[in-house]
Structure formats: structure tokens, C-alpha cells
């Protein structure tokens, strides 16, 4: 009985170490670093000294070829057809209020923005579709601060980027 408990304990420990190693490697992957950096820039407070108007290229400073803005409710299969390759981290947007943007370089994902503005701290108002870096670099933005209520009675604030060509 002690031998079985020992093997079970060892198996659980090995699985736990494996899961932790996978999580750590995902956290330090290039796409995770790029995404965290981009999210930090987009969710900075207006009072941080950043102008309320500017060029989108000053916010999205990553080296990318294309930006894909996915429609709400678009299936993962449809998204993968649109980008031309499989990407396991894609998520289907389940409402109109979710941001779902993938940045790609050489047919590889380099950053993925997904979530509700109340959770991410930002929202980019941009029509769904495929954009080249040169198209994005020409766009300008205006920042608006938005507030959204929740069931806890503690409204959240996020930065709303209204984009223009």
C-alpha cells in the first residue's frame, strides 16, 4: 500500500512540474511578452502624460506585417481561414463588446489582444478585417475615458481608442 501511495505521489509531482514548466514557458514566450507590453501601453491612464490624440503607430510599435480584427461570433475555423494558418490560442468572441485582434509577422502570431474592455483596460474601435502595417501606421486615434458598471457596484474605467484613417 505504501508503494502505491509513493507511486501516486510521484506521478502527481511529475505532472505538477510538467504543468508548471508549460505555464512558465508560455508566460515567457515572445507572443506573451509582446501581448503584455502592448496591453500595458494601451491600458495606461490618460493622466500618464500621453496625449489624448495621436498616431496609432506610436502605440503599436511591434514589428508586424498584418493586423486581423475579428468579427464578434466569428468561429475559430473562419478566423484560421482568414489568417491562413492554425493558431491554438484564438478565441471566439461571444459578444459585440469583446476586442479580438491578432498581429502577425511572417505568418506567425506575435501578439493577441482579446477580452472585455472592463477587464483589459482598453478598447480599440476599429472595423473588423485585415489591415497591413502601413494602413495601421496611417491611422490616428482619439482617447475617451469610458466607465462601465458591474454587479458589484464598483464601476470600472477603460480607455476607448476611436480610430480614424
Protein backbone atom coordinates (compact mmCIF):
# COMPACT_ATOMS: atom_id res chain seq x y z
CA UNK A 1 0.00 0.00 0.00
CA UNK A 2 2.87 2.37 0.79
CA UNK A 3 4.42 1.59 -2.59
CA UNK A 4 1.21 2.52 -4.44
CA UNK A 5 0.87 5.77 -2.47
CA UNK A 6 4.50 6.55 -3.24
CA UNK A 7 3.97 6.00 -7.00
CA UNK A 8 0.79 8.06 -6.97
CA UNK A 9 2.58 10.87 -5.16
CA UNK A 10 5.50 10.72 -7.59
CA UNK A 11 3.14 10.74 -10.59
CA UNK A 12 1.25 13.75 -9.23
CA UNK A 13 4.54 15.58 -8.57
CA UNK A 14 5.78 14.88 -12.12
CA UNK A 15 2.50 16.11 -13.63
CA UNK A 16 2.60 19.26 -11.46
CA UNK A 17 6.19 20.03 -12.52
CA UNK A 18 5.28 19.47 -16.17
CA UNK A 19 2.25 21.78 -15.95
CA UNK A 20 4.31 24.48 -14.22
CA UNK A 21 7.04 24.19 -16.89
CA UNK A 22 4.47 24.60 -19.66
CA UNK A 23 2.92 27.63 -17.94
CA UNK A 24 6.30 29.26 -17.38
CA UNK A 25 7.38 28.68 -21.00
CA UNK A 26 4.08 30.18 -22.23
CA UNK A 27 4.50 33.21 -19.95
CA UNK A 28 8.00 33.92 -21.28
CA UNK A 29 7.19 33.22 -24.93
CA UNK A 30 7.64 36.06 -27.42
CA UNK A 31 3.90 36.34 -28.11
CA UNK A 32 3.11 36.63 -24.38
CA UNK A 33 5.78 39.28 -23.87
CA UNK A 34 4.55 41.25 -26.90
CA UNK A 35 0.93 40.97 -25.78
CA UNK A 36 1.69 42.06 -22.20
CA UNK A 37 3.75 45.01 -23.45
CA UNK A 38 1.06 46.11 -25.90
CA UNK A 39 -1.68 45.72 -23.28
CA UNK A 40 0.33 47.81 -20.83
CA UNK A 41 0.73 50.61 -23.40
CA UNK A 42 -2.95 50.54 -24.39
CA UNK A 43 -4.27 50.46 -20.83
CA UNK A 44 -2.08 53.25 -19.44
CA UNK A 45 -4.05 56.01 -17.80
CA UNK A 46 -4.65 59.24 -19.72
CA UNK A 47 -3.06 61.08 -16.83
CA UNK A 48 0.25 59.33 -17.55
CA UNK A 49 1.17 62.26 -19.80
CA UNK A 50 0.13 60.67 -23.07
CA UNK A 51 -1.76 62.89 -25.46
CA UNK A 52 -5.48 62.34 -25.98
CA UNK A 53 -4.82 62.28 -29.74
CA UNK A 54 -2.05 60.63 -31.69
CA UNK A 55 -0.87 58.19 -34.32
CA UNK A 56 -1.60 54.52 -33.83
CA UNK A 57 1.94 53.64 -34.93
CA UNK A 58 3.19 55.29 -31.71
CA UNK A 59 1.11 52.84 -29.66
CA UNK A 60 1.62 49.66 -31.67
CA UNK A 61 5.38 49.67 -32.04
CA UNK A 62 5.78 45.94 -32.71
CA UNK A 63 7.28 44.71 -35.95
CA UNK A 64 4.32 43.04 -37.70
CA UNK A 65 3.01 42.54 -41.22
CA UNK A 66 -0.74 42.36 -40.65
CA UNK A 67 -3.39 43.01 -38.05
CA UNK A 68 -6.55 40.94 -38.06
CA UNK A 69 -9.62 42.32 -36.31
CA UNK A 70 -12.15 39.52 -35.96
CA UNK A 71 -15.91 39.93 -36.05
CA UNK A 72 -17.97 39.05 -32.99
CA UNK A 73 -19.22 35.45 -33.05
CA UNK A 74 -16.75 34.50 -35.81
CA UNK A 75 -15.79 30.83 -35.45
CA UNK A 76 -12.21 29.76 -34.88
CA UNK A 77 -12.26 27.90 -38.23
CA UNK A 78 -13.29 31.12 -40.01
CA UNK A 79 -10.56 33.07 -38.21
CA UNK A 80 -7.93 30.50 -39.19
CA UNK A 81 -9.11 30.66 -42.83
CA UNK A 82 -8.80 34.43 -42.68
CA UNK A 83 -5.23 34.40 -41.30
CA UNK A 84 -4.11 31.42 -43.39
CA UNK A 85 -2.71 29.24 -40.60
CA UNK A 86 -3.77 27.45 -37.42
CA UNK A 87 -3.29 29.24 -34.12
CA UNK A 88 -4.36 27.39 -30.99
CA UNK A 89 -4.87 30.49 -28.82
CA UNK A 90 -7.65 32.03 -30.94
CA UNK A 91 -10.93 32.52 -29.10
CA UNK A 92 -14.40 33.07 -30.45
CA UNK A 93 -15.82 36.44 -29.44
CA UNK A 94 -19.11 35.82 -27.66
CA UNK A 95 -20.43 39.39 -27.77
CA UNK A 96 -20.05 42.67 -29.63
CA UNK A 97 -18.14 44.24 -26.75
CA UNK A 98 -15.09 41.98 -26.91
CA UNK A 99 -11.84 43.03 -28.56
CA UNK A 100 -10.37 40.22 -30.70
CA UNK A 101 -7.20 41.28 -32.55
CA UNK A 102 -4.26 39.24 -33.80
CA UNK A 103 -0.96 40.72 -35.00
CA UNK A 104 1.04 38.55 -37.42
CA UNK A 105 4.61 38.63 -38.75
CA UNK A 106 5.73 36.15 -41.45
CA UNK A 107 2.55 34.06 -40.96
CA UNK A 108 3.19 33.67 -37.23
CA UNK A 109 1.24 35.24 -34.41
CA UNK A 110 3.25 37.83 -32.48
CA UNK A 111 0.54 39.37 -30.24
CA UNK A 112 -3.07 38.59 -29.42
CA UNK A 113 -5.49 41.03 -27.80
CA UNK A 114 -8.71 39.51 -26.51
CA UNK A 115 -11.22 40.44 -23.84
CA UNK A 116 -13.79 42.83 -22.48
CA UNK A 117 -12.63 46.45 -22.06
CA UNK A 118 -13.63 46.41 -18.40
CA UNK A 119 -11.10 43.60 -17.88
CA UNK A 120 -8.35 44.70 -20.27
CA UNK A 121 -8.45 48.44 -19.51
CA UNK A 122 -8.70 49.43 -23.19
CA UNK A 123 -10.82 49.09 -26.33
CA UNK A 124 -9.87 49.81 -29.96
CA UNK A 125 -12.82 50.94 -32.07
CA UNK A 126 -11.82 49.54 -35.46
CA UNK A 127 -13.92 47.73 -38.09
CA UNK A 128 -13.27 44.02 -38.47
CA UNK A 129 -10.99 42.98 -41.27
CA UNK A 130 -7.38 42.58 -42.35
CA UNK A 131 -5.01 45.55 -42.14
CA UNK A 132 -1.41 45.93 -43.25
CA UNK A 133 1.12 47.67 -41.05
CA UNK A 134 1.22 50.63 -43.46
CA UNK A 135 -2.58 51.02 -43.17
CA UNK A 136 -2.39 50.94 -39.35
CA UNK A 137 0.56 53.36 -39.33
CA UNK A 138 -1.58 55.96 -41.15
CA UNK A 139 -4.40 55.75 -38.59
CA UNK A 140 -4.87 58.28 -35.84
CA UNK A 141 -6.72 57.92 -32.57
CA UNK A 142 -8.64 59.95 -30.04
CA UNK A 143 -8.84 58.73 -26.46
CA UNK A 144 -12.01 58.79 -24.44
CA UNK A 145 -12.34 57.51 -20.92
CA UNK A 146 -15.32 55.20 -20.53
CA UNK A 147 -17.00 53.83 -17.42
CA UNK A 148 -18.91 50.59 -17.18
CA UNK A 149 -20.93 49.34 -14.26
CA UNK A 150 -20.91 45.83 -12.88
CA UNK A 151 -22.89 43.69 -10.49
CA UNK A 152 -20.54 44.54 -7.62
CA UNK A 153 -21.50 48.20 -7.71
CA UNK A 154 -17.92 49.25 -8.44
CA UNK A 155 -17.77 50.77 -11.92
CA UNK A 156 -14.64 50.14 -13.97
CA UNK A 157 -12.91 52.62 -16.23
CA UNK A 158 -11.21 51.82 -19.50
CA UNK A 159 -9.56 53.75 -22.32
CA UNK A 160 -11.57 53.88 -25.54
CA UNK A 161 -9.47 54.45 -28.67
CA UNK A 162 -11.53 55.87 -31.50
CA UNK A 163 -9.52 55.19 -34.67
CA UNK A 164 -9.63 57.13 -37.92
CA UNK A 165 -7.92 56.69 -41.31
